[in-house]
Amino acid sequence: MNYTEKETKMQRDSFVFYRSYYEAIELLPKSQRADAYRAIFEFMFNGNDITDELPNTAKAIFLMAKPTLEASNKKYEAGKKGAEAKKANKEKADDKQPDKQSESNLDSKQQATSQANDKQPTKQNGSNVNVNVNDNVNVNVNENLEEKKEKKEIYACDEILEEALNKSDVSVLLNDLGVDEEFVKDLIFYREEIEKPIKTISGLRGLLKDILETSLKSRKSPQELVETMKENEWKTIKYDYLAPSELGPPKNYTKKDVVSQNMEAVRQAIEMRKRMKGAV
C-alpha cells in the first residue's frame, strides 16, 4: 500500500505512546504487530485512518486505542489554535504602534495648518475636532482592552498548567488517573470554552479529584467522564451526576484498575475475536 498517496489531514512531530498500547500489541501474532503500530502512527502523525485495511485482531487493538488517540489530537489542535491566536494578537498589537505614531504626526500637522489658516476657529469647528478625537480614542481603547483580555486568558491557561505540573500532589493525581499533561490542558481549555475558567491550582486539583473518585465508582475511564462533561457542559463530574443506565454494579474498584481498564478491554476483544473465528 502506498501511504504517501493518502490525503494528509494533520501532521504532528510527536505524541504520547502509552505502555498499555505496547502491551496490547504484544499480544498479537508477530505478523500483525507491525500493522497495529503502523495504524497508530499513521493516525497520529499524518491523520490517516487505515482501519479498514487491518486484519481483524490488529483492527480490534486499534479501535480500542482510537478514542484516546482522537482525544489527544483534539487537545493538540486546541493547544495549536491557542498558540496561533496568541501570536496573531501580538503581531496585531505590534502593527498598531507605527499606525498610532503616524496618526499622531498627522494630527499635529493638521492642527498646525489649521491654526495658521484660521487663527480664530468658530465654536462649530472646535466641536467637530472634539468629536473626532473622542471617537478615535474610544475605538483605540476598546480594541486594546479586547487584546489585553484575550492575552490574559491565554497566559492564565499557560500559567495554571505550568504551575500545576510542578505540584507533587497534582502529579500523583495524574498518575492515579493514568493521564498526562495533554489531559490537563484539554480540561483547562474546555472550562475556558464554557466560560467557567479554572482560576486556581486548588480548583484544578478539586476537578481532578472529582474525576478520579467518579472513575473509581463508575468504572468509567477519565476520558469517558470528560466527554460526558462536555456533552452536558458541566464544570465538573460526580458519581451522582451519572444516569442509572450509565452505572455498573458497585464494586471495590482501585486506582490501579483505572489505569489498566483499557488493557483488560483489549484482551476481552481479542478473546471474542478468537471465539468468533473458531465458530466460523
Protein backbone atom coordinates (compact mmCIF):
# COMPACT_ATOMS: atom_id res chain seq x y z
CA MET A 1 0.00 0.00 0.00
CA ASN A 2 1.30 3.44 -0.87
CA TYR A 3 0.78 5.58 2.23
CA THR A 4 2.21 8.70 0.54
CA GLU A 5 -0.83 8.91 -1.72
CA LYS A 6 -3.21 9.32 1.23
CA GLU A 7 -4.64 12.76 1.93
CA THR A 8 -2.85 14.27 4.92
CA LYS A 9 -5.32 15.86 7.32
CA MET A 10 -2.91 16.74 10.08
CA GLN A 11 0.77 16.39 10.82
CA ARG A 12 2.40 16.05 14.22
CA ASP A 13 6.00 15.59 15.23
CA SER A 14 5.30 13.72 18.47
CA PHE A 15 2.60 12.22 20.68
CA VAL A 16 2.33 10.18 23.91
CA PHE A 17 2.55 6.43 23.29
CA TYR A 18 1.23 4.64 26.37
CA ARG A 19 2.64 1.41 27.71
CA SER A 20 -0.86 -0.10 27.51
CA TYR A 21 -0.67 0.24 23.69
CA TYR A 22 2.61 -1.68 23.66
CA GLU A 23 1.33 -4.43 25.97
CA ALA A 24 -1.84 -4.88 23.91
CA ILE A 25 0.05 -5.04 20.60
CA GLU A 26 2.49 -7.58 22.04
CA LEU A 27 -0.47 -9.96 22.46
CA LEU A 28 -0.94 -10.01 18.67
CA PRO A 29 0.74 -12.53 16.39
CA LYS A 30 4.12 -11.20 15.28
CA SER A 31 2.91 -10.95 11.69
CA GLN A 32 0.25 -8.39 12.72
CA ARG A 33 2.14 -6.24 15.23
CA ALA A 34 3.62 -4.02 12.52
CA ASP A 35 0.11 -3.38 11.17
CA ALA A 36 -1.11 -2.20 14.58
CA TYR A 37 1.92 0.05 15.12
CA ARG A 38 1.57 1.49 11.61
CA ALA A 39 -2.14 2.19 12.13
CA ILE A 40 -1.42 4.21 15.30
CA PHE A 41 1.50 6.10 13.75
CA GLU A 42 -0.40 6.94 10.55
CA PHE A 43 -3.38 8.18 12.56
CA MET A 44 -1.34 10.34 14.94
CA PHE A 45 1.43 11.64 12.67
CA ASN A 46 -0.48 12.09 9.39
CA GLY A 47 -4.19 11.95 10.30
CA ASN A 48 -4.75 8.86 8.15
CA ASP A 49 -7.26 6.23 9.30
CA ILE A 50 -6.36 2.82 7.81
CA THR A 51 -8.75 0.78 9.97
CA ASP A 52 -10.41 -0.95 7.01
CA GLU A 53 -7.06 -2.30 5.80
CA LEU A 54 -6.13 -4.04 9.07
CA PRO A 55 -6.54 -7.73 9.95
CA ASN A 56 -9.33 -8.27 12.47
CA THR A 57 -7.16 -8.74 15.56
CA ALA A 58 -4.96 -5.72 14.77
CA LYS A 59 -8.12 -3.75 14.00
CA ALA A 60 -9.54 -4.64 17.44
CA ILE A 61 -6.44 -3.26 19.15
CA PHE A 62 -6.52 -0.04 17.13
CA LEU A 63 -10.24 0.54 17.66
CA MET A 64 -9.80 0.19 21.43
CA ALA A 65 -7.00 2.78 21.41
CA LYS A 66 -8.67 5.11 18.89
CA PRO A 67 -10.85 7.15 21.33
CA THR A 68 -7.76 8.03 23.37
CA LEU A 69 -5.82 8.90 20.22
CA GLU A 70 -8.65 11.12 18.97
CA ALA A 71 -8.82 12.90 22.32
CA SER A 72 -5.07 13.52 22.12
CA ASN A 73 -5.46 15.02 18.63
CA LYS A 74 -8.25 17.33 19.84
CA LYS A 75 -6.06 18.57 22.66
CA TYR A 76 -3.19 19.11 20.25
CA GLU A 77 -5.38 21.15 17.89
CA ALA A 78 -6.75 23.22 20.78
CA GLY A 79 -3.25 23.99 22.02
CA LYS A 80 -2.11 24.82 18.50
CA LYS A 81 -5.01 27.23 17.96
CA GLY A 82 -4.30 28.90 21.30
CA ALA A 83 -0.66 29.44 20.34
CA GLU A 84 -1.64 30.82 16.92
CA ALA A 85 -4.15 33.19 18.50
CA LYS A 86 -1.51 34.39 20.93
CA LYS A 87 0.93 35.04 18.09
CA ALA A 88 -1.70 36.80 15.97
CA ASN A 89 -2.66 39.09 18.85
CA LYS A 90 0.98 40.01 19.43
CA GLU A 91 1.52 40.81 15.75
CA LYS A 92 -1.68 42.86 15.69
CA ALA A 93 -0.53 44.85 18.71
CA ASP A 94 2.91 45.43 17.15
CA ASP A 95 1.37 46.59 13.87
CA LYS A 96 -0.73 49.21 15.63
CA GLN A 97 2.21 51.01 17.18
CA PRO A 98 3.53 52.69 13.99
CA ASP A 99 -0.07 53.45 12.93
CA LYS A 100 -0.68 55.34 16.15
CA GLN A 101 2.56 57.27 15.70
CA SER A 102 1.59 58.19 12.13
CA GLU A 103 -1.85 59.31 13.29
CA SER A 104 -0.23 61.47 15.98
CA ASN A 105 2.12 63.13 13.47
CA LEU A 106 -0.73 63.69 11.02
CA ASP A 107 -2.92 65.23 13.72
CA SER A 108 -0.06 67.56 14.72
CA LYS A 109 0.44 68.73 11.11
CA GLN A 110 -3.29 69.24 10.58
CA GLN A 111 -3.54 71.21 13.81
CA ALA A 112 -0.62 73.47 12.83
CA THR A 113 -2.11 74.12 9.36
CA SER A 114 -5.50 74.89 10.84
CA GLN A 115 -4.03 77.37 13.30
CA ALA A 116 -2.06 79.10 10.56
CA ASN A 117 -5.03 79.42 8.18
CA ASP A 118 -7.66 80.22 10.73
CA LYS A 119 -6.43 81.95 13.86
CA GLN A 120 -9.95 82.29 15.25
CA PRO A 121 -11.79 78.96 14.81
CA THR A 122 -15.54 79.03 15.26
CA LYS A 123 -17.35 77.18 18.03
CA GLN A 124 -18.66 74.66 15.47
CA ASN A 125 -15.12 73.80 14.27
CA GLY A 126 -13.98 73.22 17.81
CA SER A 127 -16.92 70.88 18.38
CA ASN A 128 -16.03 68.77 15.32
CA VAL A 129 -12.41 68.38 16.49
CA ASN A 130 -13.57 67.17 19.90
CA VAL A 131 -15.98 64.63 18.38
CA ASN A 132 -13.30 63.18 16.08
CA VAL A 133 -10.73 62.95 18.87
CA ASN A 134 -13.19 61.27 21.24
CA ASP A 135 -14.26 58.71 18.59
CA ASN A 136 -10.66 57.76 17.80
CA VAL A 137 -9.73 57.46 21.46
CA ASN A 138 -12.77 55.29 22.27
CA VAL A 139 -12.11 52.92 19.34
CA ASN A 140 -8.43 52.50 20.23
CA VAL A 141 -9.16 51.98 23.93
CA ASN A 142 -11.84 49.33 23.22
CA GLU A 143 -9.57 47.42 20.82
CA ASN A 144 -6.70 47.47 23.31
CA LEU A 145 -8.96 46.20 26.10
CA GLU A 146 -10.10 43.25 23.94
CA GLU A 147 -6.50 42.37 23.07
CA LYS A 148 -5.43 42.52 26.70
CA LYS A 149 -8.38 40.33 27.71
CA GLU A 150 -7.50 37.65 25.12
CA LYS A 151 -3.82 37.69 26.09
CA LYS A 152 -4.70 37.48 29.77
CA GLU A 153 -6.87 34.39 29.17
CA ILE A 154 -4.12 32.61 27.19
CA TYR A 155 -1.45 33.47 29.75
CA ALA A 156 -3.74 32.34 32.60
CA CYS A 157 -4.17 28.88 30.99
CA ASP A 158 -0.43 28.51 30.45
CA GLU A 159 0.44 29.69 33.94
CA ILE A 160 -2.05 27.36 35.67
CA LEU A 161 -0.85 24.39 33.59
CA GLU A 162 2.82 25.10 34.28
CA GLU A 163 2.26 25.63 37.99
CA ALA A 164 0.07 22.51 38.26
CA LEU A 165 2.71 20.26 36.69
CA ASN A 166 5.21 21.43 39.32
CA LYS A 167 2.93 20.37 42.18
CA SER A 168 3.72 16.91 43.55
CA ASP A 169 0.14 16.22 44.64
CA VAL A 170 -1.17 17.08 41.17
CA SER A 171 1.42 14.72 39.65
CA VAL A 172 0.18 11.96 41.97
CA LEU A 173 -3.41 12.59 40.84
CA LEU A 174 -2.38 12.39 37.17
CA ASN A 175 -0.55 9.14 37.86
CA ASP A 176 -3.58 7.69 39.67
CA LEU A 177 -5.80 8.69 36.75
CA GLY A 178 -3.34 7.30 34.20
CA VAL A 179 -3.36 10.55 32.19
CA ASP A 180 -0.76 13.07 31.05
CA GLU A 181 -0.21 16.80 30.52
CA GLU A 182 -2.42 16.84 27.42
CA PHE A 183 -5.39 15.66 29.51
CA VAL A 184 -4.95 18.59 31.91
CA LYS A 185 -4.55 21.05 29.05
CA ASP A 186 -7.77 19.79 27.49
CA LEU A 187 -9.63 20.29 30.80
CA ILE A 188 -8.35 23.86 31.14
CA PHE A 189 -9.30 24.81 27.57
CA TYR A 190 -12.71 23.13 27.93
CA ARG A 191 -13.53 25.18 31.02
CA GLU A 192 -12.48 28.32 29.12
CA GLU A 193 -14.83 27.40 26.27
CA ILE A 194 -17.86 27.12 28.57
CA GLU A 195 -16.85 30.40 30.26
CA LYS A 196 -16.21 28.74 33.62
CA PRO A 197 -12.40 29.01 33.71
CA ILE A 198 -10.18 27.27 36.23
CA LYS A 199 -8.59 30.20 38.05
CA THR A 200 -6.52 28.46 40.71
CA ILE A 201 -4.47 25.32 41.29
CA SER A 202 -6.92 24.44 44.06
CA GLY A 203 -9.77 24.48 41.53
CA LEU A 204 -7.86 22.22 39.14
CA ARG A 205 -6.93 19.86 41.98
CA GLY A 206 -10.58 19.60 43.03
CA LEU A 207 -11.69 18.83 39.47
CA LEU A 208 -9.09 16.06 39.10
CA LYS A 209 -10.18 14.55 42.43
CA ASP A 210 -13.82 14.56 41.30
CA ILE A 211 -12.88 12.76 38.08
CA LEU A 212 -10.77 10.17 39.95
CA GLU A 213 -13.49 9.48 42.54
CA THR A 214 -16.18 9.17 39.86
CA SER A 215 -13.94 6.90 37.77
CA LEU A 216 -13.36 4.59 40.74
CA LYS A 217 -17.08 4.33 41.49
CA SER A 218 -18.46 4.14 37.96
CA ARG A 219 -15.66 2.09 36.34
CA LYS A 220 -15.57 4.62 33.51
CA SER A 221 -12.25 5.92 32.19
CA PRO A 222 -11.25 9.57 32.85
CA GLN A 223 -11.55 10.24 29.11
CA GLU A 224 -15.13 8.92 29.03
CA LEU A 225 -16.07 11.07 32.01
CA VAL A 226 -14.62 14.21 30.41
CA GLU A 227 -16.61 13.50 27.24
CA THR A 228 -19.76 13.24 29.40
CA MET A 229 -18.86 16.58 31.00
CA LYS A 230 -18.53 18.18 27.57
CA GLU A 231 -21.80 16.75 26.30
CA ASN A 232 -23.65 18.27 29.27
CA GLU A 233 -21.42 21.37 29.62
CA TRP A 234 -20.73 20.52 33.28
CA LYS A 235 -17.86 22.25 35.06
CA THR A 236 -17.10 19.03 36.99
CA ILE A 237 -18.45 15.50 37.27
CA LYS A 238 -19.57 13.38 40.21
CA TYR A 239 -20.91 9.87 40.55
CA ASP A 240 -24.38 11.19 41.38
CA TYR A 241 -24.49 13.11 38.08
CA LEU A 242 -24.50 9.93 36.00
CA ALA A 243 -27.77 8.33 34.91
CA PRO A 244 -28.54 4.87 36.37
CA SER A 245 -28.14 3.33 32.90
CA GLU A 246 -24.52 4.51 32.81
CA LEU A 247 -23.55 2.96 36.14
CA GLY A 248 -22.37 -0.57 36.74
CA PRO A 249 -22.93 -2.53 39.97
CA PRO A 250 -20.98 -1.15 42.97
CA LYS A 251 -17.56 -2.80 43.25
CA ASN A 252 -14.32 -2.27 45.16
CA TYR A 253 -12.59 -0.59 42.26
CA THR A 254 -9.00 0.56 42.84
CA LYS A 255 -6.79 3.24 41.30
CA LYS A 256 -4.79 0.53 39.57
CA ASP A 257 -7.97 -0.61 37.83
CA VAL A 258 -8.43 2.84 36.30
CA VAL A 259 -5.01 2.67 34.64
CA SER A 260 -5.40 -0.95 33.44
CA GLN A 261 -9.05 -0.71 32.34
CA ASN A 262 -8.33 -0.20 28.66
CA MET A 263 -5.85 -3.06 28.67
CA GLU A 264 -8.44 -5.51 30.02
CA ALA A 265 -10.98 -4.39 27.43
CA VAL A 266 -8.42 -5.07 24.69
CA ARG A 267 -7.78 -8.60 26.00
CA GLN A 268 -11.51 -9.30 26.03
CA ALA A 269 -11.86 -8.06 22.45
CA ILE A 270 -9.06 -10.39 21.32
CA GLU A 271 -10.65 -13.38 23.05
CA MET A 272 -14.00 -12.58 21.46
CA ARG A 273 -12.39 -12.41 18.02
CA LYS A 274 -10.76 -15.79 18.58
CA ARG A 275 -14.07 -17.37 19.60
CA MET A 276 -15.85 -15.88 16.61
CA LYS A 277 -13.10 -17.14 14.28
CA GLY A 278 -13.29 -20.62 15.82
CA ALA A 279 -17.08 -20.69 15.42
CA VAL A 280 -16.73 -19.98 11.72
